PDB file of N, CA and C in Angstrom:
ATOM      1  N   MET A   1     177.656  67.349   6.647  1.00  0.00           N
ATOM      2  CA  MET A   1     177.671  65.921   6.600  1.00  0.00           C
ATOM      3  C   MET A   1     177.637  65.415   8.046  1.00  0.00           C
ATOM      4  N   SER A   2     176.747  64.478   8.340  1.00  0.00           N
ATOM      5  CA  SER A   2     176.643  63.955   9.695  1.00  0.00           C
ATOM      6  C   SER A   2     177.339  62.610   9.785  1.00  0.00           C
ATOM      7  N   THR A   3     177.874  62.360  10.931  1.00  0.00           N
ATOM      8  CA  THR A   3     178.562  61.102  11.142  1.00  0.00           C
ATOM      9  C   THR A   3     177.703  60.247  12.058  1.00  0.00           C
ATOM     10  N   LEU A   4     177.441  59.034  11.620  1.00  0.00           N
ATOM     11  CA  LEU A   4     176.637  58.113  12.412  1.00  0.00           C
ATOM     12  C   LEU A   4     177.570  57.191  13.180  1.00  0.00           C
ATOM     13  N   THR A   5     177.465  57.186  14.467  1.00  0.00           N
ATOM     14  CA  THR A   5     178.292  56.324  15.286  1.00  0.00           C
ATOM     15  C   THR A   5     177.464  55.104  15.648  1.00  0.00           C
ATOM     16  N   THR A   6     178.009  53.962  15.363  1.00  0.00           N
ATOM     17  CA  THR A   6     177.299  52.724  15.717  1.00  0.00           C
ATOM     18  C   THR A   6     178.040  52.029  16.840  1.00  0.00           C
ATOM     19  N   LEU A   7     177.283  51.377  17.667  1.00  0.00           N
ATOM     20  CA  LEU A   7     177.890  50.598  18.739  1.00  0.00           C
ATOM     21  C   LEU A   7     178.284  49.246  18.179  1.00  0.00           C
ATOM     22  N   SER A   8     179.485  48.877  18.403  1.00  0.00           N
ATOM     23  CA  SER A   8     179.915  47.568  17.903  1.00  0.00           C
ATOM     24  C   SER A   8     179.692  46.531  18.994  1.00  0.00           C
ATOM     25  N   THR A   9     179.271  45.365  18.567  1.00  0.00           N
ATOM     26  CA  THR A   9     179.088  44.273  19.506  1.00  0.00           C
ATOM     27  C   THR A   9     180.296  43.370  19.413  1.00  0.00           C
ATOM     28  N   PRO A  10     180.719  42.813  20.529  1.00  0.00           N
ATOM     29  CA  PRO A  10     181.887  41.933  20.472  1.00  0.00           C
ATOM     30  C   PRO A  10     181.588  40.716  19.610  1.00  0.00           C
ATOM     31  N   SER A  11     182.598  40.281  18.886  1.00  0.00           N
ATOM     32  CA  SER A  11     182.393  39.140  17.995  1.00  0.00           C
ATOM     33  C   SER A  11     182.192  37.846  18.778  1.00  0.00           C
ATOM     34  N   ALA A  12     182.792  37.741  19.937  1.00  0.00           N
ATOM     35  CA  ALA A  12     182.629  36.553  20.768  1.00  0.00           C
ATOM     36  C   ALA A  12     181.982  36.986  22.078  1.00  0.00           C
ATOM     37  N   VAL A  13     180.791  36.545  22.291  1.00  0.00           N
ATOM     38  CA  VAL A  13     180.079  36.898  23.510  1.00  0.00           C
ATOM     39  C   VAL A  13     180.578  35.996  24.628  1.00  0.00           C
ATOM     40  N   THR A  14     180.976  36.608  25.706  1.00  0.00           N
ATOM     41  CA  THR A  14     181.454  35.800  26.829  1.00  0.00           C
ATOM     42  C   THR A  14     180.266  35.475  27.726  1.00  0.00           C
ATOM     43  N   THR A  15     180.120  34.187  27.989  1.00  0.00           N
ATOM     44  CA  THR A  15     179.035  33.748  28.865  1.00  0.00           C
ATOM     45  C   THR A  15     179.608  32.873  29.955  1.00  0.00           C
ATOM     46  N   ARG A  16     178.920  32.853  31.067  1.00  0.00           N
ATOM     47  CA  ARG A  16     179.327  31.975  32.151  1.00  0.00           C
ATOM     48  C   ARG A  16     178.962  30.551  31.784  1.00  0.00           C
ATOM     49  N   PRO A  17     179.770  29.589  32.191  1.00  0.00           N
ATOM     50  CA  PRO A  17     179.388  28.204  31.940  1.00  0.00           C
ATOM     51  C   PRO A  17     178.084  27.913  32.683  1.00  0.00           C
ATOM     52  N   SER A  18     177.221  27.184  32.035  1.00  0.00           N
ATOM     53  CA  SER A  18     175.930  26.917  32.662  1.00  0.00           C
ATOM     54  C   SER A  18     176.111  25.990  33.863  1.00  0.00           C
ATOM     55  N   GLN A  19     175.355  26.258  34.887  1.00  0.00           N
ATOM     56  CA  GLN A  19     175.385  25.438  36.086  1.00  0.00           C
ATOM     57  C   GLN A  19     174.458  24.251  35.880  1.00  0.00           C
ATOM     58  N   PRO A  20     174.879  23.067  36.335  1.00  0.00           N
ATOM     59  CA  PRO A  20     173.985  21.922  36.208  1.00  0.00           C
ATOM     60  C   PRO A  20     172.740  22.145  37.066  1.00  0.00           C
ATOM     61  N   SER A  21     171.650  21.614  36.615  1.00  0.00           N
ATOM     62  CA  SER A  21     170.403  21.758  37.361  1.00  0.00           C
ATOM     63  C   SER A  21     170.531  21.050  38.708  1.00  0.00           C
ATOM     64  N   ALA A  22     169.637  21.385  39.609  1.00  0.00           N
ATOM     65  CA  ALA A  22     169.634  20.742  40.918  1.00  0.00           C
ATOM     66  C   ALA A  22     169.429  19.239  40.767  1.00  0.00           C
ATOM     67  N   GLU A  23     168.581  18.851  39.824  1.00  0.00           N
ATOM     68  CA  GLU A  23     168.338  17.421  39.591  1.00  0.00           C
ATOM     69  C   GLU A  23     169.602  16.717  39.117  1.00  0.00           C
ATOM     70  N   ALA A  24     170.346  17.356  38.234  1.00  0.00           N
ATOM     71  CA  ALA A  24     171.591  16.766  37.734  1.00  0.00           C
ATOM     72  C   ALA A  24     172.616  16.659  38.857  1.00  0.00           C
ATOM     73  N   GLN A  25     172.665  17.666  39.711  1.00  0.00           N
ATOM     74  CA  GLN A  25     173.594  17.623  40.840  1.00  0.00           C
ATOM     75  C   GLN A  25     173.228  16.497  41.803  1.00  0.00           C
ATOM     76  N   VAL A  26     171.933  16.305  42.050  1.00  0.00           N
ATOM     77  CA  VAL A  26     171.488  15.230  42.932  1.00  0.00           C
ATOM     78  C   VAL A  26     171.836  13.879  42.324  1.00  0.00           C
ATOM     79  N   ARG A  27     171.626  13.712  41.019  1.00  0.00           N
ATOM     80  CA  ARG A  27     171.976  12.450  40.350  1.00  0.00           C
ATOM     81  C   ARG A  27     173.465  12.177  40.469  1.00  0.00           C
ATOM     82  N   THR A  28     174.281  13.195  40.258  1.00  0.00           N
ATOM     83  CA  THR A  28     175.734  13.036  40.360  1.00  0.00           C
ATOM     84  C   THR A  28     176.128  12.647  41.783  1.00  0.00           C
ATOM     85  N   LEU A  29     175.556  13.310  42.774  1.00  0.00           N
ATOM     86  CA  LEU A  29     175.881  13.001  44.163  1.00  0.00           C
ATOM     87  C   LEU A  29     175.420  11.598  44.547  1.00  0.00           C
ATOM     88  N   LYS A  30     174.265  11.180  44.043  1.00  0.00           N
ATOM     89  CA  LYS A  30     173.784   9.820  44.320  1.00  0.00           C
ATOM     90  C   LYS A  30     174.724   8.788  43.714  1.00  0.00           C
ATOM     91  N   ALA A  31     175.210   9.044  42.507  1.00  0.00           N
ATOM     92  CA  ALA A  31     176.137   8.114  41.859  1.00  0.00           C
ATOM     93  C   ALA A  31     177.444   8.039  42.641  1.00  0.00           C
ATOM     94  N   LYS A  32     177.947   9.196  43.088  1.00  0.00           N
ATOM     95  CA  LYS A  32     179.183   9.212  43.872  1.00  0.00           C
ATOM     96  C   LYS A  32     178.996   8.498  45.206  1.00  0.00           C
ATOM     97  N   LEU A  33     177.860   8.704  45.847  1.00  0.00           N
ATOM     98  CA  LEU A  33     177.576   8.049  47.121  1.00  0.00           C
ATOM     99  C   LEU A  33     177.467   6.546  46.940  1.00  0.00           C
ATOM    100  N   SER A  34     176.860   6.129  45.854  1.00  0.00           N
ATOM    101  CA  SER A  34     176.734   4.697  45.566  1.00  0.00           C
ATOM    102  C   SER A  34     178.113   4.067  45.368  1.00  0.00           C
ATOM    103  N   LEU A  35     178.974   4.745  44.612  1.00  0.00           N
ATOM    104  CA  LEU A  35     180.331   4.250  44.392  1.00  0.00           C
ATOM    105  C   LEU A  35     181.103   4.199  45.704  1.00  0.00           C
ATOM    106  N   LEU A  36     180.965   5.224  46.517  1.00  0.00           N
ATOM    107  CA  LEU A  36     181.643   5.256  47.812  1.00  0.00           C
ATOM    108  C   LEU A  36     181.172   4.099  48.689  1.00  0.00           C
ATOM    109  N   GLY A  37     179.870   3.830  48.689  1.00  0.00           N
ATOM    110  CA  GLY A  37     179.341   2.715  49.463  1.00  0.00           C
ATOM    111  C   GLY A  37     179.884   1.385  48.988  1.00  0.00           C
ATOM    112  N   ALA A  38     179.996   1.217  47.673  1.00  0.00           N
ATOM    113  CA  ALA A  38     180.533  -0.031  47.123  1.00  0.00           C
ATOM    114  C   ALA A  38     181.999  -0.197  47.494  1.00  0.00           C
ATOM    115  N   GLU A  39     182.765   0.895  47.407  1.00  0.00           N
ATOM    116  CA  GLU A  39     184.180   0.822  47.765  1.00  0.00           C
ATOM    117  C   GLU A  39     184.353   0.542  49.251  1.00  0.00           C
ATOM    118  N   TYR A  40     183.521   1.130  50.086  1.00  0.00           N
ATOM    119  CA  TYR A  40     183.569   0.858  51.524  1.00  0.00           C
ATOM    120  C   TYR A  40     183.254  -0.620  51.777  1.00  0.00           C
ATOM    121  N   GLY A  41     182.221  -1.134  51.111  1.00  0.00           N
ATOM    122  CA  GLY A  41     181.858  -2.537  51.272  1.00  0.00           C
ATOM    123  C   GLY A  41     182.985  -3.462  50.862  1.00  0.00           C
ATOM    124  N   GLU A  42     183.661  -3.112  49.772  1.00  0.00           N
ATOM    125  CA  GLU A  42     184.793  -3.921  49.308  1.00  0.00           C
ATOM    126  C   GLU A  42     185.924  -3.906  50.341  1.00  0.00           C
ATOM    127  N   LEU A  43     186.246  -2.742  50.850  1.00  0.00           N
ATOM    128  CA  LEU A  43     187.316  -2.638  51.850  1.00  0.00           C
ATOM    129  C   LEU A  43     186.941  -3.382  53.125  1.00  0.00           C
ATOM    130  N   LEU A  44     185.693  -3.257  53.563  1.00  0.00           N
ATOM    131  CA  LEU A  44     185.241  -3.955  54.760  1.00  0.00           C
ATOM    132  C   LEU A  44     185.330  -5.468  54.574  1.00  0.00           C
ATOM    133  N   ALA A  45     184.920  -5.963  53.416  1.00  0.00           N
ATOM    134  CA  ALA A  45     184.994  -7.403  53.142  1.00  0.00           C
ATOM    135  C   ALA A  45     186.440  -7.889  53.184  1.00  0.00           C
ATOM    136  N   HIS A  46     187.352  -7.107  52.607  1.00  0.00           N
ATOM    137  CA  HIS A  46     188.762  -7.487  52.621  1.00  0.00           C
ATOM    138  C   HIS A  46     189.341  -7.450  54.034  1.00  0.00           C
ATOM    139  N   ALA A  47     188.945  -6.463  54.819  1.00  0.00           N
ATOM    140  CA  ALA A  47     189.421  -6.391  56.204  1.00  0.00           C
ATOM    141  C   ALA A  47     188.910  -7.592  57.001  1.00  0.00           C
ATOM    142  N   ARG A  48     187.656  -7.953  56.807  1.00  0.00           N
ATOM    143  CA  ARG A  48     187.101  -9.113  57.508  1.00  0.00           C
ATOM    144  C   ARG A  48     187.802 -10.400  57.063  1.00  0.00           C
ATOM    145  N   ALA A  49     188.116 -10.498  55.766  1.00  0.00           N
ATOM    146  CA  ALA A  49     188.835 -11.675  55.271  1.00  0.00           C
ATOM    147  C   ALA A  49     190.222 -11.753  55.890  1.00  0.00           C
ATOM    148  N   ALA A  50     190.865 -10.604  56.073  1.00  0.00           N
ATOM    149  CA  ALA A  50     192.195 -10.588  56.689  1.00  0.00           C
ATOM    150  C   ALA A  50     192.133 -11.076  58.134  1.00  0.00           C
ATOM    151  N   VAL A  51     191.111 -10.656  58.862  1.00  0.00           N
ATOM    152  CA  VAL A  51     190.962 -11.103  60.254  1.00  0.00           C
ATOM    153  C   VAL A  51     190.697 -12.602  60.292  1.00  0.00           C
ATOM    154  N   ALA A  52     189.835 -13.092  59.391  1.00  0.00           N
ATOM    155  CA  ALA A  52     189.552 -14.531  59.344  1.00  0.00           C
ATOM    156  C   ALA A  52     190.810 -15.310  58.972  1.00  0.00           C
ATOM    157  N   ALA A  53     191.581 -14.788  58.006  1.00  0.00           N
ATOM    158  CA  ALA A  53     192.810 -15.463  57.591  1.00  0.00           C
ATOM    159  C   ALA A  53     193.824 -15.509  58.731  1.00  0.00           C
ATOM    160  N   ALA A  54     193.912 -14.423  59.495  1.00  0.00           N
ATOM    161  CA  ALA A  54     194.835 -14.399  60.642  1.00  0.00           C
ATOM    162  C   ALA A  54     194.408 -15.431  61.679  1.00  0.00           C
ATOM    163  N   ALA A  55     193.108 -15.568  61.909  1.00  0.00           N
ATOM    164  CA  ALA A  55     192.611 -16.545  62.890  1.00  0.00           C
ATOM    165  C   ALA A  55     192.906 -17.975  62.446  1.00  0.00           C
ATOM    166  N   LEU A  56     192.974 -18.189  61.130  1.00  0.00           N
ATOM    167  CA  LEU A  56     193.283 -19.525  60.593  1.00  0.00           C
ATOM    168  C   LEU A  56     194.781 -19.754  60.458  1.00  0.00           C
ATOM    169  N   GLY A  57     195.572 -18.744  60.759  1.00  0.00           N
ATOM    170  CA  GLY A  57     197.020 -18.883  60.688  1.00  0.00           C
ATOM    171  C   GLY A  57     197.590 -18.800  59.287  1.00  0.00           C
ATOM    172  N   GLU A  58     196.883 -18.155  58.360  1.00  0.00           N
ATOM    173  CA  GLU A  58     197.428 -18.002  57.001  1.00  0.00           C
ATOM    174  C   GLU A  58     198.725 -17.208  57.052  1.00  0.00           C
ATOM    175  N   ALA A  59     199.590 -17.471  56.086  1.00  0.00           N
ATOM    176  CA  ALA A  59     200.923 -16.868  56.065  1.00  0.00           C
ATOM    177  C   ALA A  59     200.892 -15.352  55.883  1.00  0.00           C
ATOM    178  N   ASP A  60     199.979 -14.824  55.057  1.00  0.00           N
ATOM    179  CA  ASP A  60     199.950 -13.389  54.769  1.00  0.00           C
ATOM    180  C   ASP A  60     198.520 -12.860  54.803  1.00  0.00           C
ATOM    181  N   PRO A  61     197.903 -12.805  55.966  1.00  0.00           N
ATOM    182  CA  PRO A  61     196.514 -12.348  56.022  1.00  0.00           C
ATOM    183  C   PRO A  61     196.341 -10.884  55.605  1.00  0.00           C
ATOM    184  N   VAL A  62     197.360 -10.081  55.798  1.00  0.00           N
ATOM    185  CA  VAL A  62     197.280  -8.665  55.425  1.00  0.00           C
ATOM    186  C   VAL A  62     197.199  -8.503  53.901  1.00  0.00           C
ATOM    187  N   GLY A  63     197.573  -9.532  53.176  1.00  0.00           N
ATOM    188  CA  GLY A  63     197.513  -9.481  51.712  1.00  0.00           C
ATOM    189  C   GLY A  63     196.131  -9.127  51.193  1.00  0.00           C
ATOM    190  N   TYR A  64     195.080  -9.564  51.895  1.00  0.00           N
ATOM    191  CA  TYR A  64     193.721  -9.248  51.464  1.00  0.00           C
ATOM    192  C   TYR A  64     193.482  -7.736  51.461  1.00  0.00           C
ATOM    193  N   VAL A  65     193.955  -7.077  52.478  1.00  0.00           N
ATOM    194  CA  VAL A  65     193.771  -5.631  52.578  1.00  0.00           C
ATOM    195  C   VAL A  65     194.779  -4.904  51.692  1.00  0.00           C
ATOM    196  N   ARG A  66     196.000  -5.406  51.664  1.00  0.00           N
ATOM    197  CA  ARG A  66     197.054  -4.769  50.869  1.00  0.00           C
ATOM    198  C   ARG A  66     196.631  -4.655  49.403  1.00  0.00           C
ATOM    199  N   ASP A  67     196.039  -5.725  48.873  1.00  0.00           N
ATOM    200  CA  ASP A  67     195.657  -5.728  47.459  1.00  0.00           C
ATOM    201  C   ASP A  67     194.621  -4.653  47.138  1.00  0.00           C
ATOM    202  N   VAL A  68     193.610  -4.531  47.977  1.00  0.00           N
ATOM    203  CA  VAL A  68     192.572  -3.536  47.689  1.00  0.00           C
ATOM    204  C   VAL A  68     193.102  -2.120  47.893  1.00  0.00           C
ATOM    205  N   LEU A  69     193.962  -1.920  48.878  1.00  0.00           N
ATOM    206  CA  LEU A  69     194.564  -0.603  49.058  1.00  0.00           C
ATOM    207  C   LEU A  69     195.442  -0.238  47.865  1.00  0.00           C
ATOM    208  N   ALA A  70     196.195  -1.205  47.371  1.00  0.00           N
ATOM    209  CA  ALA A  70     197.060  -0.952  46.207  1.00  0.00           C
ATOM    210  C   ALA A  70     196.230  -0.598  44.976  1.00  0.00           C
ATOM    211  N   GLU A  71     195.102  -1.276  44.796  1.00  0.00           N
ATOM    212  CA  GLU A  71     194.231  -0.981  43.646  1.00  0.00           C
ATOM    213  C   GLU A  71     193.772   0.470  43.642  1.00  0.00           C
ATOM    214  N   HIS A  72     193.622   1.045  44.824  1.00  0.00           N
ATOM    215  CA  HIS A  72     193.134   2.423  44.937  1.00  0.00           C
ATOM    216  C   HIS A  72     194.245   3.420  45.231  1.00  0.00           C
ATOM    217  N   GLY A  73     195.494   2.964  45.171  1.00  0.00           N
ATOM    218  CA  GLY A  73     196.616   3.861  45.421  1.00  0.00           C
ATOM    219  C   GLY A  73     196.645   4.378  46.847  1.00  0.00           C
ATOM    220  N   GLN A  74     196.247   3.547  47.798  1.00  0.00           N
ATOM    221  CA  GLN A  74     196.142   3.981  49.177  1.00  0.00           C
ATOM    222  C   GLN A  74     197.079   3.258  50.139  1.00  0.00           C
ATOM    223  N   LEU A  75     198.095   2.607  49.618  1.00  0.00           N
ATOM    224  CA  LEU A  75     199.059   1.968  50.516  1.00  0.00           C
ATOM    225  C   LEU A  75     199.795   3.041  51.314  1.00  0.00           C
ATOM    226  N   PRO A  76     200.078   2.776  52.584  1.00  0.00           N
ATOM    227  CA  PRO A  76     200.862   3.753  53.345  1.00  0.00           C
ATOM    228  C   PRO A  76     202.289   3.800  52.808  1.00  0.00           C
ATOM    229  N   GLN A  77     202.937   4.896  53.065  1.00  0.00           N
ATOM    230  CA  GLN A  77     204.324   5.064  52.643  1.00  0.00           C
ATOM    231  C   GLN A  77     205.176   4.028  53.366  1.00  0.00           C
ATOM    232  N   ALA A  78     206.175   3.499  52.676  1.00  0.00           N
ATOM    233  CA  ALA A  78     207.074   2.515  53.287  1.00  0.00           C
ATOM    234  C   ALA A  78     207.671   3.087  54.569  1.00  0.00           C
ATOM    235  N   GLY A  79     207.616   2.320  55.632  1.00  0.00           N
ATOM    236  CA  GLY A  79     208.195   2.737  56.897  1.00  0.00           C
ATOM    237  C   GLY A  79     207.278   3.582  57.764  1.00  0.00           C
ATOM    238  N   ALA A  80     206.047   3.818  57.320  1.00  0.00           N
ATOM    239  CA  ALA A  80     205.128   4.633  58.123  1.00  0.00           C
ATOM    240  C   ALA A  80     204.761   3.891  59.398  1.00  0.00           C
ATOM    241  N   LEU A  81     204.672   4.613  60.487  1.00  0.00           N
ATOM    242  CA  LEU A  81     204.279   4.024  61.758  1.00  0.00           C
ATOM    243  C   LEU A  81     202.756   3.854  61.787  1.00  0.00           C
ATOM    244  N   PRO A  82     202.266   2.688  62.224  1.00  0.00           N
ATOM    245  CA  PRO A  82     200.817   2.470  62.257  1.00  0.00           C
ATOM    246  C   PRO A  82     200.052   3.541  63.036  1.00  0.00           C
ATOM    247  N   SER A  83     200.578   3.973  64.164  1.00  0.00           N
ATOM    248  CA  SER A  83     199.878   4.997  64.951  1.00  0.00           C
ATOM    249  C   SER A  83     199.779   6.312  64.187  1.00  0.00           C
ATOM    250  N   HIS A  84     200.775   6.607  63.374  1.00  0.00           N
ATOM    251  CA  HIS A  84     200.737   7.833  62.574  1.00  0.00           C
ATOM    252  C   HIS A  84     199.778   7.688  61.400  1.00  0.00           C
ATOM    253  N   VAL A  85     199.700   6.487  60.835  1.00  0.00           N
ATOM    254  CA  VAL A  85     198.737   6.261  59.753  1.00  0.00           C
ATOM    255  C   VAL A  85     197.316   6.476  60.294  1.00  0.00           C
ATOM    256  N   LEU A  86     197.036   5.912  61.477  1.00  0.00           N
ATOM    257  CA  LEU A  86     195.713   6.067  62.085  1.00  0.00           C
ATOM    258  C   LEU A  86     195.408   7.520  62.416  1.00  0.00           C
ATOM    259  N   ALA A  87     196.423   8.266  62.809  1.00  0.00           N
ATOM    260  CA  ALA A  87     196.231   9.669  63.170  1.00  0.00           C
ATOM    261  C   ALA A  87     196.250  10.588  61.952  1.00  0.00           C
ATOM    262  N   GLY A  88     196.560  10.022  60.785  1.00  0.00           N
ATOM    263  CA  GLY A  88     196.631  10.849  59.580  1.00  0.00           C
ATOM    264  C   GLY A  88     197.898  11.656  59.474  1.00  0.00           C
ATOM    265  N   THR A  89     198.922  11.263  60.225  1.00  0.00           N
ATOM    266  CA  THR A  89     200.185  12.007  60.216  1.00  0.00           C
ATOM    267  C   THR A  89     201.347  11.096  59.846  1.00  0.00           C
ATOM    268  N   ALA A  90     201.072  10.131  58.979  1.00  0.00           N
ATOM    269  CA  ALA A  90     202.091   9.126  58.641  1.00  0.00           C
ATOM    270  C   ALA A  90     203.352   9.785  58.110  1.00  0.00           C
ATOM    271  N   ARG A  91     204.466   9.319  58.626  1.00  0.00           N
ATOM    272  CA  ARG A  91     205.766   9.776  58.132  1.00  0.00           C
ATOM    273  C   ARG A  91     206.751   8.622  58.287  1.00  0.00           C
ATOM    274  N   VAL A  92     207.796   8.676  57.516  1.00  0.00           N
ATOM    275  CA  VAL A  92     208.808   7.634  57.571  1.00  0.00           C
ATOM    276  C   VAL A  92     209.931   8.108  58.474  1.00  0.00           C
ATOM    277  N   LEU A  93     210.334   7.238  59.385  1.00  0.00           N
ATOM    278  CA  LEU A  93     211.446   7.559  60.260  1.00  0.00           C
ATOM    279  C   LEU A  93     212.738   7.071  59.623  1.00  0.00           C
ATOM    280  N   PRO A  94     213.860   7.711  59.915  1.00  0.00           N
ATOM    281  CA  PRO A  94     215.139   7.266  59.363  1.00  0.00           C
ATOM    282  C   PRO A  94     215.382   5.797  59.697  1.00  0.00           C
ATOM    283  N   GLY A  95     215.872   5.068  58.711  1.00  0.00           N
ATOM    284  CA  GLY A  95     216.170   3.652  58.895  1.00  0.00           C
ATOM    285  C   GLY A  95     214.955   2.750  58.698  1.00  0.00           C
ATOM    286  N   GLN A  96     213.822   3.321  58.329  1.00  0.00           N
ATOM    287  CA  GLN A  96     212.614   2.523  58.106  1.00  0.00           C
ATOM    288  C   GLN A  96     212.157   2.614  56.665  1.00  0.00           C
ATOM    289  N   MET A  97     213.041   2.553  55.737  1.00  0.00           N
ATOM    290  CA  MET A  97     212.700   2.689  54.332  1.00  0.00           C
ATOM    291  C   MET A  97     212.445   1.356  53.658  1.00  0.00           C
ATOM    292  N   GLY A  98     212.179   0.317  54.427  1.00  0.00           N
ATOM    293  CA  GLY A  98     211.915  -1.002  53.854  1.00  0.00           C
ATOM    294  C   GLY A  98     210.618  -1.029  53.089  1.00  0.00           C
ATOM    295  N   GLY A  99     210.350  -2.099  52.380  1.00  0.00           N
ATOM    296  CA  GLY A  99     209.111  -2.245  51.611  1.00  0.00           C
ATOM    297  C   GLY A  99     207.931  -2.473  52.508  1.00  0.00           C
ATOM    298  N   VAL A 100     206.773  -2.281  51.917  1.00  0.00           N
ATOM    299  CA  VAL A 100     205.522  -2.468  52.662  1.00  0.00           C
ATOM    300  C   VAL A 100     205.099  -3.898  52.578  1.00  0.00           C
TER     301      VAL A 100
END
């Protein structure tokens, strides 16, 4: 009596996730770049409005910039030193835990 050995195939074939085509990647990058440009334009407009408001003596000219930063979750930490924010090393010093 002969025994026939069969190769079993796995029930679930593992495949790599398909990579998006180059065209799809370009479309995605163009959309991201467009959004980034719009957000930059919005921030620039708010910064210019803040400078104009300061020149007119408005009570809270920074409010124009504060609002757009808050919308994007980009307000500096309370008590951060401006020079550290500009350098990307913002930290709060003891005794500077006041609100922004």
